[in-house]
Amino acid sequence: MNAFVILQQTAQAGGNMSFLIMMVLIFGVMYFFMIRPQQKKQKELMKFRDQLQKGDKVVTIGGIYGVVAEVKPAYILMEVDANVKIRVDKNSIVKDVTDIPAK
C-alpha cells in the first residue's frame, strides 16, 4: 500500500512538470508570433514619425490625406488643399503615401 502512494505521488509530480513545460511553450509561441512582431512594428512607426519632413505625403488615423508643411516636436502642420492647413498630432500619422501615384 505504501508503494502505491509513492507511485501516485511520482505520477502527479510528472504531470505538474509537463503542465509547466506546456505553459512555457505556449508563452514562447505567443511571444514570438504575436508580441515581438507588434513591438517591432511599433518601433518602425515611431522611427517613421521622427523622420517626417516637409513635403512628405501622409495619411492620418482618420483617413485624411495631406502634405507635411511644417514639423514641430509634438505636431505637424499638414496641407490638405490649396492654402488649407490643419494641425495634426504626430501620433495620428500612420502611413507615408509619397510613393503612391495620384489617380
Protein backbone atom coordinates (compact mmCIF):
# COMPACT_ATOMS: atom_id res chain seq x y z
CA MET A 1 0.00 0.00 0.00
CA ASN A 2 2.86 2.34 0.77
CA ALA A 3 4.45 1.72 -2.68
CA PHE A 4 1.14 2.58 -4.36
CA VAL A 5 1.06 6.01 -2.64
CA ILE A 6 4.67 6.70 -3.72
CA LEU A 7 3.87 5.80 -7.35
CA GLN A 8 0.81 8.01 -7.29
CA GLN A 9 2.78 11.00 -5.97
CA THR A 10 5.51 10.44 -8.57
CA ALA A 11 2.95 10.37 -11.39
CA GLN A 12 1.33 13.54 -10.09
CA ALA A 13 4.70 15.35 -9.94
CA GLY A 14 5.42 14.34 -13.54
CA GLY A 15 2.01 15.67 -14.58
CA ASN A 16 2.74 19.01 -12.96
CA MET A 17 6.08 19.20 -14.72
CA SER A 18 4.56 18.51 -18.15
CA PHE A 19 1.91 21.16 -17.47
CA LEU A 20 4.62 23.67 -16.60
CA ILE A 21 6.58 22.83 -19.75
CA MET A 22 3.43 23.19 -21.86
CA MET A 23 2.66 26.62 -20.37
CA VAL A 24 6.22 27.83 -21.06
CA LEU A 25 5.97 26.61 -24.67
CA ILE A 26 2.62 28.36 -25.16
CA PHE A 27 4.02 31.63 -23.79
CA GLY A 28 7.10 31.28 -26.01
CA VAL A 29 4.98 30.79 -29.13
CA MET A 30 2.75 33.73 -28.23
CA TYR A 31 5.80 35.95 -27.68
CA PHE A 32 7.49 35.11 -30.98
CA PHE A 33 4.34 35.17 -33.13
CA MET A 34 2.31 37.97 -31.52
CA ILE A 35 4.14 40.22 -29.05
CA ARG A 36 7.55 40.55 -30.74
CA PRO A 37 6.24 41.46 -34.23
CA GLN A 38 3.90 44.06 -32.71
CA GLN A 39 6.78 45.65 -30.79
CA LYS A 40 8.88 45.73 -33.97
CA LYS A 41 6.05 47.37 -35.92
CA GLN A 42 5.58 49.96 -33.16
CA LYS A 43 9.31 50.86 -33.22
CA GLU A 44 9.22 51.28 -37.01
CA LEU A 45 6.18 53.58 -36.75
CA MET A 46 7.89 55.73 -34.10
CA LYS A 47 11.01 55.97 -36.28
CA PHE A 48 8.85 56.98 -39.26
CA ARG A 49 7.15 59.73 -37.25
CA ASP A 50 10.50 61.08 -36.04
CA GLN A 51 11.81 61.28 -39.61
CA LEU A 52 8.88 63.23 -41.08
CA GLN A 53 9.98 66.09 -43.32
CA LYS A 54 8.36 68.95 -45.15
CA GLY A 55 6.87 67.72 -48.43
CA ASP A 56 6.09 64.15 -47.29
CA LYS A 57 2.66 62.90 -48.30
CA VAL A 58 0.98 61.22 -45.33
CA VAL A 59 -2.31 59.77 -44.07
CA THR A 60 -3.76 60.24 -40.58
CA ILE A 61 -5.60 57.69 -38.46
CA GLY A 62 -8.86 59.35 -39.54
CA GLY A 63 -8.03 58.88 -43.23
CA ILE A 64 -7.08 62.48 -44.03
CA TYR A 65 -4.53 62.72 -46.84
CA GLY A 66 -2.19 65.67 -46.95
CA VAL A 67 1.31 67.03 -47.41
CA VAL A 68 3.52 67.93 -44.46
CA ALA A 69 4.02 71.70 -44.45
CA GLU A 70 5.83 72.11 -41.13
CA VAL A 71 7.18 69.73 -38.47
CA LYS A 72 7.20 70.52 -34.75
CA PRO A 73 8.18 68.21 -31.88
CA ALA A 74 4.59 67.29 -30.91
CA TYR A 75 2.59 68.04 -34.04
CA ILE A 76 2.79 68.73 -37.76
CA LEU A 77 1.12 71.31 -39.94
CA MET A 78 -0.48 69.43 -42.82
CA GLU A 79 -1.73 70.99 -46.03
CA VAL A 80 -4.89 69.19 -47.15
CA ASP A 81 -5.80 71.53 -50.03
CA ALA A 82 -4.51 74.73 -51.60
CA ASN A 83 -3.94 77.18 -48.72
CA VAL A 84 -5.78 74.91 -46.25
CA LYS A 85 -3.58 73.70 -43.40
CA ILE A 86 -4.51 71.76 -40.30
CA ARG A 87 -2.54 70.99 -37.16
CA VAL A 88 -2.27 67.25 -36.56
CA ASP A 89 -0.70 65.39 -33.65
CA LYS A 90 2.33 63.35 -34.75
CA ASN A 91 0.87 60.23 -33.13
CA SER A 92 -2.06 60.31 -35.56
CA ILE A 93 0.16 59.94 -38.64
CA VAL A 94 0.09 56.30 -39.70
CA LYS A 95 1.36 55.98 -43.26
CA ASP A 96 3.61 57.58 -45.85
CA VAL A 97 1.97 57.74 -49.27
CA THR A 98 4.74 59.65 -51.08
CA ASP A 99 5.47 56.72 -53.40
CA ILE A 100 1.81 56.06 -54.26
CA PRO A 101 0.92 57.79 -57.56
CA ALA A 102 -2.15 60.03 -57.69
CA LYS A 103 -5.01 58.86 -59.91
